[in-house]
Amino acid sequence: MPKKPEVLERLCALTSQVRDEMYANQQPADCFCGDNPGHPNNFQFSEDILSFIETAVMQKIARESQEEPCLES
């Protein structure tokens, strides 16, 4: 099981990838894993990036829940 720092680093990398690939680095996505030396008191994070990740996860959950066989008797 990953420790908290690894989880934060991986989530930070995921948000950076979404920012770079989906929004051409044009949306704010400050690092929240502790490596934000530039402006630690001015955290900025795009609602678009957060919504993109939430939607992608919810779509994946919906697809996988439809694929699982029902175990009802």
Protein backbone atom coordinates (compact mmCIF):
# COMPACT_ATOMS: atom_id res chain seq x y z
CA MET A 1 0.00 0.00 0.00
CA PRO A 2 1.49 3.37 -0.97
CA LYS A 3 2.29 5.92 1.70
CA LYS A 4 0.77 9.43 1.75
CA PRO A 5 3.73 11.15 0.00
CA GLU A 6 3.58 8.69 -2.92
CA VAL A 7 -0.19 9.10 -3.25
CA LEU A 8 0.15 12.88 -3.34
CA GLU A 9 3.00 12.70 -5.87
CA ARG A 10 1.02 10.38 -8.15
CA LEU A 11 -2.12 12.54 -7.95
CA CYS A 12 0.00 15.61 -8.61
CA ALA A 13 1.54 13.92 -11.67
CA LEU A 14 -1.94 12.95 -12.89
CA THR A 15 -3.23 16.50 -12.61
CA SER A 16 -0.14 17.80 -14.40
CA GLN A 17 -0.69 15.32 -17.22
CA VAL A 18 -4.34 16.39 -17.60
CA ARG A 19 -3.29 20.06 -17.56
CA ASP A 20 -0.59 19.50 -20.19
CA GLU A 21 -2.38 17.12 -22.53
CA MET A 22 -5.99 18.30 -22.31
CA TYR A 23 -5.55 22.00 -21.67
CA ALA A 24 -2.19 22.73 -23.35
CA ASN A 25 -0.78 23.95 -20.04
CA GLN A 26 -3.24 26.86 -20.13
CA GLN A 27 -5.04 26.07 -16.84
CA PRO A 28 -3.64 26.53 -13.33
CA ALA A 29 -2.79 23.33 -11.50
CA ASP A 30 -0.49 24.14 -8.63
CA CYS A 31 1.20 21.18 -7.07
CA PHE A 32 -0.42 20.08 -3.83
CA CYS A 33 2.19 17.48 -2.89
CA GLY A 34 4.34 20.05 -1.10
CA ASP A 35 6.58 21.01 -4.03
CA ASN A 36 5.07 24.43 -4.74
CA PRO A 37 7.96 26.72 -3.82
CA GLY A 38 6.90 29.64 -6.02
CA HIS A 39 3.72 30.79 -4.27
CA PRO A 40 2.86 28.58 -1.30
CA ASN A 41 0.10 30.95 -0.09
CA ASN A 42 -1.49 31.50 -3.51
CA PHE A 43 -2.73 28.01 -4.44
CA GLN A 44 -4.54 27.91 -7.77
CA PHE A 45 -6.22 24.91 -9.33
CA SER A 46 -8.52 24.84 -12.34
CA GLU A 47 -12.10 23.67 -11.84
CA ASP A 48 -11.90 22.33 -15.43
CA ILE A 49 -9.04 19.98 -14.54
CA LEU A 50 -10.74 18.77 -11.39
CA SER A 51 -14.03 18.22 -13.25
CA PHE A 52 -12.23 16.37 -16.05
CA ILE A 53 -10.68 13.92 -13.56
CA GLU A 54 -13.95 13.46 -11.65
CA THR A 55 -15.88 12.81 -14.87
CA ALA A 56 -13.28 10.34 -16.14
CA VAL A 57 -13.38 8.41 -12.87
CA MET A 58 -17.18 8.36 -12.74
CA GLN A 59 -17.35 7.15 -16.36
CA LYS A 60 -14.87 4.36 -15.59
CA ILE A 61 -16.86 3.32 -12.51
CA ALA A 62 -20.09 3.27 -14.52
CA ARG A 63 -18.53 1.18 -17.31
CA GLU A 64 -16.99 -1.32 -14.93
CA SER A 65 -20.13 -1.67 -12.83
CA GLN A 66 -22.08 -2.51 -16.00
CA GLU A 67 -19.53 -5.17 -16.96
CA GLU A 68 -19.69 -7.03 -13.63
CA PRO A 69 -22.15 -9.94 -13.59
CA CYS A 70 -24.98 -9.74 -11.11
CA LEU A 71 -24.57 -12.12 -8.20
CA GLU A 72 -28.24 -12.15 -7.21
CA SER A 73 -29.85 -15.49 -6.36
